[in-house]
Protein backbone atom coordinates (compact mmCIF):
# COMPACT_ATOMS: atom_id res chain seq x y z
CA UNK A 1 0.00 0.00 0.00
CA UNK A 2 2.81 2.45 0.75
CA UNK A 3 4.08 2.31 -2.83
CA UNK A 4 0.64 3.47 -4.04
CA UNK A 5 0.51 6.44 -1.66
CA UNK A 6 4.19 7.45 -1.86
CA UNK A 7 4.09 7.84 1.93
CA UNK A 8 4.14 5.58 4.95
CA UNK A 9 0.83 3.90 5.79
CA UNK A 10 0.95 1.95 9.02
CA UNK A 11 -1.23 -0.96 10.07
CA UNK A 12 -2.68 1.27 12.80
CA UNK A 13 -3.79 3.78 10.18
CA UNK A 14 -5.26 0.99 8.08
CA UNK A 15 -7.18 -0.43 11.05
CA UNK A 16 -8.52 3.01 11.88
CA UNK A 17 -9.63 3.64 8.27
CA UNK A 18 -11.29 0.23 8.00
CA UNK A 19 -13.12 0.73 11.31
CA UNK A 20 -14.45 4.10 10.16
CA UNK A 21 -15.60 2.67 6.84
CA UNK A 22 -17.37 -0.15 8.70
CA UNK A 23 -19.02 2.26 11.15
CA UNK A 24 -20.31 4.35 8.28
CA UNK A 25 -21.75 1.30 6.55
CA UNK A 26 -19.53 1.50 3.48
CA UNK A 27 -17.84 -1.89 3.91
CA UNK A 28 -18.67 -5.19 5.59
CA UNK A 29 -16.22 -7.60 7.17
CA UNK A 30 -16.37 -11.10 5.71
CA UNK A 31 -16.41 -13.62 8.52
CA UNK A 32 -13.46 -15.98 8.97
CA UNK A 33 -11.23 -13.94 6.66
CA UNK A 34 -9.25 -10.73 6.51
CA UNK A 35 -11.31 -9.31 3.66
CA UNK A 36 -14.01 -6.70 3.32
CA UNK A 37 -16.70 -6.13 0.71
CA UNK A 38 -18.33 -2.91 -0.37
CA UNK A 39 -21.94 -2.38 0.62
CA UNK A 40 -24.43 -0.91 -1.84
CA UNK A 41 -23.86 2.53 -0.28
CA UNK A 42 -20.11 2.02 -0.49
CA UNK A 43 -20.37 1.21 -4.18
CA UNK A 44 -22.47 4.31 -4.85
CA UNK A 45 -20.02 6.55 -3.00
CA UNK A 46 -16.98 4.97 -4.67
CA UNK A 47 -18.61 5.45 -8.07
CA UNK A 48 -19.48 9.06 -7.35
CA UNK A 49 -15.91 9.81 -6.24
CA UNK A 50 -14.60 8.50 -9.54
CA UNK A 51 -17.15 10.48 -11.58
CA UNK A 52 -17.12 13.83 -9.75
CA UNK A 53 -13.76 15.11 -11.01
CA UNK A 54 -14.54 14.50 -14.68
CA UNK A 55 -18.24 15.28 -14.77
CA UNK A 56 -18.56 18.13 -12.29
CA UNK A 57 -15.29 19.68 -11.19
CA UNK A 58 -13.54 19.86 -14.56
CA UNK A 59 -16.47 21.62 -16.31
CA UNK A 60 -16.93 24.00 -13.37
CA UNK A 61 -13.26 24.95 -13.34
CA UNK A 62 -13.38 25.57 -17.09
CA UNK A 63 -16.68 27.44 -17.02
CA UNK A 64 -15.15 30.90 -17.33
CA UNK A 65 -13.19 29.96 -20.45
CA UNK A 66 -14.52 30.43 -23.97
CA UNK A 67 -15.07 26.77 -24.95
CA UNK A 68 -17.42 26.20 -21.99
CA UNK A 69 -20.93 25.46 -23.27
CA UNK A 70 -23.38 28.33 -23.08
CA UNK A 71 -25.89 26.39 -20.91
CA UNK A 72 -23.17 25.76 -18.30
CA UNK A 73 -22.15 29.42 -18.26
CA UNK A 74 -25.81 30.43 -17.92
CA UNK A 75 -26.38 27.96 -15.08
CA UNK A 76 -23.36 29.25 -13.18
CA UNK A 77 -24.48 32.83 -13.69
CA UNK A 78 -27.92 31.91 -12.31
CA UNK A 79 -26.34 30.22 -9.28
CA UNK A 80 -24.18 33.28 -8.71
CA UNK A 81 -27.23 35.58 -8.85
CA UNK A 82 -29.10 33.43 -6.33
CA UNK A 83 -26.14 33.27 -3.95
CA UNK A 84 -25.74 37.04 -4.14
CA UNK A 85 -29.48 37.41 -3.46
CA UNK A 86 -29.24 35.18 -0.37
CA UNK A 87 -26.27 37.20 0.85
CA UNK A 88 -28.13 40.46 0.36
CA UNK A 89 -31.25 39.11 2.10
CA UNK A 90 -29.16 37.89 5.03
CA UNK A 91 -27.69 41.38 5.36
CA UNK A 92 -24.19 40.11 4.74
CA UNK A 93 -23.72 42.27 1.70
CA UNK A 94 -20.76 44.41 2.80
CA UNK A 95 -18.85 41.51 4.34
CA UNK A 96 -19.50 39.14 1.46
CA UNK A 97 -18.72 41.74 -1.18
CA UNK A 98 -15.17 41.96 0.16
CA UNK A 99 -14.64 38.35 -0.93
CA UNK A 100 -13.42 38.04 -4.50
CA UNK A 101 -15.51 35.41 -6.36
CA UNK A 102 -13.74 33.07 -8.77
CA UNK A 103 -16.72 33.01 -11.11
CA UNK A 104 -16.78 35.60 -13.84
CA UNK A 105 -20.12 37.37 -14.16
CA UNK A 106 -21.24 37.06 -17.74
CA UNK A 107 -22.69 39.90 -19.72
CA UNK A 108 -25.88 39.20 -21.68
CA UNK A 109 -23.81 39.15 -24.88
CA UNK A 110 -21.54 36.36 -23.50
CA UNK A 111 -24.58 34.25 -22.55
């Protein structure tokens, strides 16, 4: 396992990680063996972790660049408007406006 992580990974760390995964219902211990199997929830979470970077994060990080699809840019602009509205309604406007957003606000022509 250490050659996969490029760092030390002790048996204590492994035991701790396995115990947490069991407690959260993501794996089940197979009796009379030192093996574990994924539960249905564990499979769903593992699948989502493999899909999130390619299907969600990569398009979101590229959303402010020109080749991003127009519907994605419009959706992000809508989300940004709603977040700004919630901030204004919560009277956090001045504090929140000091934060620099990473999302470029699109002009109607860019949409």
